[in-house]
Amino acid sequence: MGAIPETMMSNSGTTPWHGIGTVIDEFVDGHRALQIGGIDWSVRKVPLYTVVKDGFDMQQMESHVALQDSNGRDLSVVSPKYEVLQNDELADITDTLGLNVQTCGQMWDGKFVWMLSDLGESPRFDGTDEAMHRWLLVSTWHGSGAFRIEGVNIRVVCENTLRIAQSGGELFHSIQHRSGAQDRLREAKLALVETYQGFDEFDAWAASLMDKHVTRATFGNEVLEQLFPRPATDASARVRSNWHDRRQTLRHIFDGPTIGSQETAWHFLQAVNEFELWHQGHGKDATRRDKQTAQAKAWANARFPLTNKAARILQSV
């Protein structure tokens, strides 16, 4: 992974997305944000060559080309049919809506570039303990991934970032690197409309989980048993200890100051989400910076399997 600036907070006091990137302390549009974040470079396709005839001649490859940025940095190797989606297309989307870009950046030496805009508080839960902040995340992979538009919910109290596939909302859209520029822009605008609708659908889904009573016994005996199956009787002491530690950590999170200890499906889901974001896979000596970087990687690769599995289980108990 390339160099990432120091941990920051947004000027609204809410941790944007994963808490890393370049913070912007003023109201700026997307194209100005490109400059501030150092991602105002472009990408082009350049030919690749192979050595033939005992190393004396070069032959251009037909099956692959390289992606290179305007600073001469090599990014990825792709098919010649690959269509580049430039960084300024992220800015075009935020500027179409007149949004305030609050953070942006790049990871993996420029292969992944993102821009995050503030959409304000969720009106359904504004002023309550369940307050959630809404963000619009636009990103592109210069390589094997896609151009993506995502609605991001962050529960303000515990900085839990929520991407729940079961919510029913259209909060995630992927545009492949193969259509024309006008087609991409049209797709993006349609996706933005669906994303705003998706936030409201997510709120309704979250409210239904808040109304669903789940006892501690049910959580321990049914939910945790499915999330972390009991080890076999001949399992090693280390396996048994890890299983016990995961369950105890989840219980401590639920009883801690950020979740609220209310016996509802929503609050148990929040405990699982906090565990996956900030505890799972991290050693005891892991710094907050390590955890933020891991969270960013999970988002970039669209992976939050534990939270989604917990959502399915909690909906069915």
Protein backbone atom coordinates (compact mmCIF):
# COMPACT_ATOMS: atom_id res chain seq x y z
CA MET A 1 0.00 0.00 0.00
CA GLY A 2 1.25 3.47 -0.79
CA ALA A 3 1.84 6.18 1.74
CA ILE A 4 -1.33 7.38 3.48
CA PRO A 5 -1.58 10.70 5.37
CA GLU A 6 -2.00 10.77 9.12
CA THR A 7 -5.29 9.92 10.81
CA MET A 8 -7.77 12.76 10.71
CA MET A 9 -11.27 13.85 11.63
CA SER A 10 -13.60 15.77 9.37
CA ASN A 11 -14.46 19.36 10.22
CA SER A 12 -17.98 18.20 11.14
CA GLY A 13 -16.62 16.13 14.00
CA THR A 14 -17.62 12.84 12.37
CA THR A 15 -15.06 10.32 11.20
CA PRO A 16 -15.53 10.08 7.42
CA TRP A 17 -15.60 6.57 5.97
CA HIS A 18 -12.51 4.80 7.37
CA GLY A 19 -10.76 7.81 8.96
CA ILE A 20 -7.83 8.12 6.55
CA GLY A 21 -7.15 10.40 3.62
CA THR A 22 -6.64 14.13 3.12
CA VAL A 23 -9.00 16.24 5.20
CA ILE A 24 -10.43 19.37 3.56
CA ASP A 25 -11.29 22.18 6.00
CA GLU A 26 -13.23 24.36 3.59
CA PHE A 27 -16.21 23.99 1.28
CA VAL A 28 -14.72 22.92 -2.05
CA ASP A 29 -16.01 21.29 -5.18
CA GLY A 30 -14.70 18.06 -6.58
CA HIS A 31 -12.16 19.53 -9.00
CA ARG A 32 -10.57 21.63 -6.26
CA ALA A 33 -10.52 18.54 -4.04
CA LEU A 34 -8.54 16.69 -6.71
CA GLN A 35 -5.78 19.28 -6.35
CA ILE A 36 -5.83 19.38 -2.56
CA GLY A 37 -5.74 15.58 -2.32
CA GLY A 38 -2.95 15.22 -4.88
CA ILE A 39 -5.07 13.07 -7.18
CA ASP A 40 -5.34 15.51 -10.09
CA TRP A 41 -3.36 13.22 -12.37
CA SER A 42 -4.64 11.39 -15.42
CA VAL A 43 -4.24 7.82 -16.67
CA ARG A 44 -3.32 6.56 -20.12
CA LYS A 45 -2.81 3.20 -21.77
CA VAL A 46 0.71 2.46 -23.00
CA PRO A 47 1.90 -0.53 -25.03
CA LEU A 48 3.81 -3.44 -23.56
CA TYR A 49 6.64 -5.24 -25.32
CA THR A 50 8.22 -8.66 -25.09
CA VAL A 51 11.80 -9.56 -25.92
CA VAL A 52 12.27 -11.88 -28.91
CA LYS A 53 15.16 -13.36 -30.90
CA ASP A 54 17.61 -13.95 -28.09
CA GLY A 55 16.95 -10.58 -26.49
CA PHE A 56 17.87 -8.36 -29.41
CA ASP A 57 14.41 -7.42 -30.73
CA MET A 58 11.22 -6.16 -29.08
CA GLN A 59 7.69 -7.11 -30.11
CA GLN A 60 4.57 -5.25 -29.00
CA MET A 61 2.08 -7.37 -27.06
CA GLU A 62 -1.44 -7.57 -28.46
CA SER A 63 -3.10 -9.15 -25.45
CA HIS A 64 -2.20 -6.59 -22.75
CA VAL A 65 -1.39 -2.91 -22.21
CA ALA A 66 -0.17 -1.00 -19.19
CA LEU A 67 -1.94 1.77 -17.28
CA GLN A 68 0.36 4.66 -16.47
CA ASP A 69 -0.42 7.94 -14.75
CA SER A 70 0.66 11.37 -15.97
CA ASN A 71 3.55 11.33 -13.47
CA GLY A 72 5.00 8.22 -15.16
CA ARG A 73 3.91 5.80 -12.44
CA ASP A 74 2.93 2.31 -13.60
CA LEU A 75 -0.44 1.26 -12.18
CA SER A 76 -1.75 -1.99 -13.68
CA VAL A 77 -1.73 -4.31 -16.68
CA VAL A 78 -5.10 -4.61 -18.46
CA SER A 79 -6.76 -5.70 -21.68
CA PRO A 80 -6.48 -3.35 -24.70
CA LYS A 81 -10.31 -3.07 -24.58
CA TYR A 82 -10.15 -1.59 -21.08
CA GLU A 83 -11.58 1.93 -20.96
CA VAL A 84 -9.96 4.35 -18.56
CA LEU A 85 -12.14 6.17 -16.02
CA GLN A 86 -10.22 9.28 -15.05
CA ASN A 87 -10.04 10.71 -11.55
CA ASP A 88 -11.83 13.87 -12.65
CA GLU A 89 -14.94 11.82 -13.32
CA LEU A 90 -15.23 11.44 -9.53
CA ALA A 91 -15.27 15.22 -9.33
CA ASP A 92 -17.85 15.50 -12.11
CA ILE A 93 -20.31 13.46 -10.05
CA THR A 94 -19.89 15.46 -6.83
CA ASP A 95 -20.03 18.76 -8.76
CA THR A 96 -23.23 17.71 -10.55
CA LEU A 97 -24.87 17.63 -7.11
CA GLY A 98 -23.05 20.66 -5.68
CA LEU A 99 -21.66 18.58 -2.83
CA ASN A 100 -19.01 19.52 -0.28
CA VAL A 101 -16.06 17.15 -0.65
CA GLN A 102 -14.58 16.52 2.79
CA THR A 103 -11.91 13.92 2.18
CA CYS A 104 -10.22 12.18 -0.73
CA GLY A 105 -7.14 10.13 -1.40
CA GLN A 106 -5.49 7.14 -3.01
CA MET A 107 -4.26 3.74 -1.91
CA TRP A 108 -2.06 1.02 -3.33
CA ASP A 109 0.19 3.45 -5.18
CA GLY A 110 -2.69 5.05 -7.06
CA LYS A 111 -4.55 1.92 -8.10
CA PHE A 112 -7.54 2.92 -5.92
CA VAL A 113 -8.74 6.54 -5.77
CA TRP A 114 -11.71 7.89 -3.83
CA MET A 115 -13.63 11.06 -2.97
CA LEU A 116 -16.08 11.42 -0.07
CA SER A 117 -18.86 14.03 0.22
CA ASP A 118 -20.97 14.98 3.23
CA LEU A 119 -24.72 14.38 2.87
CA GLY A 120 -25.66 15.31 6.44
CA GLU A 121 -27.53 13.45 9.15
CA SER A 122 -30.16 10.82 8.52
CA PRO A 123 -33.40 12.77 9.16
CA ARG A 124 -35.18 9.74 10.62
CA PHE A 125 -32.72 9.41 13.50
CA ASP A 126 -31.43 12.99 13.79
CA GLY A 127 -31.00 14.03 17.41
CA THR A 128 -31.36 10.50 18.79
CA ASP A 129 -28.85 8.02 20.20
CA GLU A 130 -29.10 6.15 16.90
CA ALA A 131 -28.03 9.16 14.81
CA MET A 132 -26.35 8.19 11.55
CA HIS A 133 -24.32 10.38 9.25
CA ARG A 134 -24.64 9.95 5.50
CA TRP A 135 -21.79 10.17 3.02
CA LEU A 136 -21.46 9.69 -0.72
CA LEU A 137 -18.35 7.73 -1.63
CA VAL A 138 -17.24 7.67 -5.27
CA SER A 139 -14.18 5.65 -6.20
CA THR A 140 -12.40 4.05 -9.11
CA TRP A 141 -9.90 1.27 -9.54
CA HIS A 142 -7.21 1.80 -12.13
CA GLY A 143 -6.97 -1.88 -12.91
CA SER A 144 -9.19 -4.87 -12.22
CA GLY A 145 -11.90 -3.12 -10.21
CA ALA A 146 -14.79 -0.86 -11.22
CA PHE A 147 -15.98 2.72 -10.88
CA ARG A 148 -18.26 2.71 -7.82
CA ILE A 149 -20.86 4.95 -6.22
CA GLU A 150 -21.76 4.11 -2.63
CA GLY A 151 -23.99 5.46 0.05
CA VAL A 152 -22.14 5.17 3.36
CA ASN A 153 -23.86 5.21 6.76
CA ILE A 154 -21.78 5.87 9.85
CA ARG A 155 -23.39 5.53 13.27
CA VAL A 156 -22.08 8.66 14.95
CA VAL A 157 -21.77 7.38 18.54
CA CYS A 158 -19.49 4.42 17.81
CA GLU A 159 -18.07 5.27 14.36
CA ASN A 160 -19.57 2.06 12.97
CA THR A 161 -19.60 2.06 9.17
CA LEU A 162 -22.55 0.19 7.74
CA ARG A 163 -22.83 -1.62 4.44
CA ILE A 164 -25.63 -4.14 4.89
CA ALA A 165 -26.68 -6.01 1.77
CA GLN A 166 -29.96 -7.04 3.39
CA SER A 167 -31.22 -3.50 3.87
CA GLY A 168 -32.92 -3.49 0.47
CA GLY A 169 -31.56 -0.04 -0.44
CA GLU A 170 -29.63 0.70 -3.62
CA LEU A 171 -26.59 1.99 -1.78
CA PHE A 172 -23.97 0.38 -3.97
CA HIS A 173 -23.49 0.77 -7.72
CA SER A 174 -20.69 -0.52 -9.91
CA ILE A 175 -19.87 0.73 -13.40
CA GLN A 176 -17.46 -1.37 -15.43
CA HIS A 177 -14.58 0.06 -17.45
CA ARG A 178 -16.08 -0.65 -20.82
CA SER A 179 -18.80 1.85 -21.81
CA GLY A 180 -18.44 5.33 -23.33
CA ALA A 181 -18.04 8.50 -21.29
CA GLN A 182 -21.61 9.72 -21.86
CA ASP A 183 -23.00 6.29 -20.99
CA ARG A 184 -20.99 6.29 -17.77
CA LEU A 185 -22.22 9.73 -16.79
CA ARG A 186 -25.83 8.77 -17.48
CA GLU A 187 -25.45 5.60 -15.42
CA ALA A 188 -23.87 7.58 -12.60
CA LYS A 189 -26.72 10.10 -12.45
CA LEU A 190 -29.32 7.33 -12.38
CA ALA A 191 -27.37 5.57 -9.66
CA LEU A 192 -27.30 8.73 -7.55
CA VAL A 193 -31.09 8.94 -7.58
CA GLU A 194 -31.27 5.31 -6.47
CA THR A 195 -28.68 5.95 -3.77
CA TYR A 196 -30.74 8.73 -2.18
CA GLN A 197 -33.75 6.42 -2.22
CA GLY A 198 -31.58 3.67 -0.76
CA PHE A 199 -30.73 5.77 2.30
CA ASP A 200 -34.42 6.08 3.15
CA GLU A 201 -34.94 2.35 2.63
CA PHE A 202 -31.97 1.63 4.85
CA ASP A 203 -33.43 3.83 7.60
CA ALA A 204 -36.72 1.93 7.44
CA TRP A 205 -34.87 -1.38 7.58
CA ALA A 206 -32.79 -0.22 10.57
CA ALA A 207 -35.93 0.96 12.37
CA SER A 208 -37.50 -2.48 11.92
CA LEU A 209 -34.47 -4.06 13.62
CA MET A 210 -34.71 -1.52 16.45
CA ASP A 211 -38.27 -2.69 17.04
CA LYS A 212 -37.32 -6.38 17.08
CA HIS A 213 -36.70 -7.73 20.59
CA VAL A 214 -33.83 -10.22 20.88
CA THR A 215 -32.81 -11.50 24.30
CA ARG A 216 -29.25 -11.98 25.44
CA ALA A 217 -29.90 -15.71 25.65
CA THR A 218 -31.04 -15.81 22.03
CA PHE A 219 -28.02 -13.80 20.95
CA GLY A 220 -25.64 -16.09 22.81
CA ASN A 221 -27.29 -19.42 22.03
CA GLU A 222 -28.42 -18.84 18.44
CA VAL A 223 -26.63 -15.88 16.88
CA LEU A 224 -23.14 -16.36 18.31
CA GLU A 225 -23.30 -20.12 17.82
CA GLN A 226 -23.86 -19.54 14.10
CA LEU A 227 -21.30 -16.77 13.80
CA PHE A 228 -18.63 -18.65 15.72
CA PRO A 229 -19.41 -22.40 15.82
CA ARG A 230 -18.20 -24.21 18.90
CA PRO A 231 -14.82 -25.92 18.32
CA ALA A 232 -14.62 -29.70 18.09
CA THR A 233 -13.84 -31.54 21.31
CA ASP A 234 -10.36 -32.40 20.04
CA ALA A 235 -9.57 -28.81 19.00
CA SER A 236 -6.35 -27.31 20.29
CA ALA A 237 -6.26 -25.10 23.37
CA ARG A 238 -5.44 -22.12 21.13
CA VAL A 239 -8.53 -22.68 18.95
CA ARG A 240 -10.76 -22.99 22.01
CA SER A 241 -9.20 -19.88 23.55
CA ASN A 242 -9.72 -17.83 20.37
CA TRP A 243 -13.35 -18.97 20.18
CA HIS A 244 -13.95 -17.94 23.78
CA ASP A 245 -12.17 -14.59 23.31
CA ARG A 246 -14.28 -13.66 20.29
CA ARG A 247 -17.51 -14.34 22.15
CA GLN A 248 -16.34 -12.44 25.21
CA THR A 249 -15.20 -9.47 23.12
CA LEU A 250 -18.63 -9.25 21.49
CA ARG A 251 -20.34 -9.35 24.88
CA HIS A 252 -18.05 -6.58 26.18
CA ILE A 253 -18.80 -4.44 23.12
CA PHE A 254 -22.53 -4.89 23.62
CA ASP A 255 -22.26 -3.91 27.28
CA GLY A 256 -19.89 -1.02 26.54
CA PRO A 257 -20.68 2.69 26.19
CA THR A 258 -21.17 2.84 22.40
CA ILE A 259 -23.90 0.28 21.74
CA GLY A 260 -26.45 0.93 24.46
CA SER A 261 -27.09 -2.62 25.77
CA GLN A 262 -30.66 -2.62 24.51
CA GLU A 263 -31.92 -6.10 23.68
CA THR A 264 -32.89 -5.47 20.07
CA ALA A 265 -31.70 -6.97 16.79
CA TRP A 266 -30.28 -3.57 15.82
CA HIS A 267 -28.07 -3.20 18.89
CA PHE A 268 -26.74 -6.74 18.66
CA LEU A 269 -25.99 -6.09 14.97
CA GLN A 270 -24.11 -2.94 15.96
CA ALA A 271 -21.99 -4.99 18.36
CA VAL A 272 -21.09 -7.42 15.59
CA ASN A 273 -20.32 -4.57 13.21
CA GLU A 274 -18.02 -2.88 15.75
CA PHE A 275 -16.29 -6.20 16.34
CA GLU A 276 -15.67 -6.72 12.62
CA LEU A 277 -14.47 -3.16 12.07
CA TRP A 278 -12.23 -2.69 15.06
CA HIS A 279 -11.38 -6.06 16.63
CA GLN A 280 -11.53 -9.03 14.27
CA GLY A 281 -8.19 -9.99 12.80
CA HIS A 282 -6.24 -7.43 14.81
CA GLY A 283 -3.64 -8.44 17.36
CA LYS A 284 -3.60 -7.00 20.85
CA ASP A 285 -0.83 -4.57 19.83
CA ALA A 286 -2.62 -3.29 16.71
CA THR A 287 -2.83 0.49 16.65
CA ARG A 288 -5.91 2.47 15.70
CA ARG A 289 -4.05 3.34 12.51
CA ASP A 290 -3.65 -0.36 11.67
CA LYS A 291 -7.37 -0.89 12.21
CA GLN A 292 -8.35 2.08 10.06
CA THR A 293 -6.15 0.83 7.23
CA ALA A 294 -7.68 -2.64 7.47
CA GLN A 295 -11.16 -1.11 7.44
CA ALA A 296 -10.29 0.90 4.32
CA LYS A 297 -9.06 -2.25 2.62
CA ALA A 298 -12.28 -4.08 3.49
CA TRP A 299 -14.33 -1.24 2.00
CA ALA A 300 -12.22 -1.05 -1.14
CA ASN A 301 -12.72 -4.78 -1.68
CA ALA A 302 -16.42 -4.73 -0.68
CA ARG A 303 -15.98 -7.23 2.15
CA PHE A 304 -17.95 -7.12 5.41
CA PRO A 305 -19.06 -10.75 5.59
CA LEU A 306 -19.52 -11.07 9.35
CA THR A 307 -21.88 -8.10 9.63
CA ASN A 308 -23.95 -9.30 6.71
CA LYS A 309 -24.14 -12.83 8.11
CA ALA A 310 -25.25 -11.44 11.48
CA ALA A 311 -27.95 -9.40 9.75
CA ARG A 312 -29.36 -12.52 8.09
CA ILE A 313 -29.34 -14.45 11.36
CA LEU A 314 -30.91 -11.65 13.40
CA GLN A 315 -33.68 -11.22 10.86
CA SER A 316 -34.58 -14.89 11.15
CA VAL A 317 -34.43 -15.45 14.94
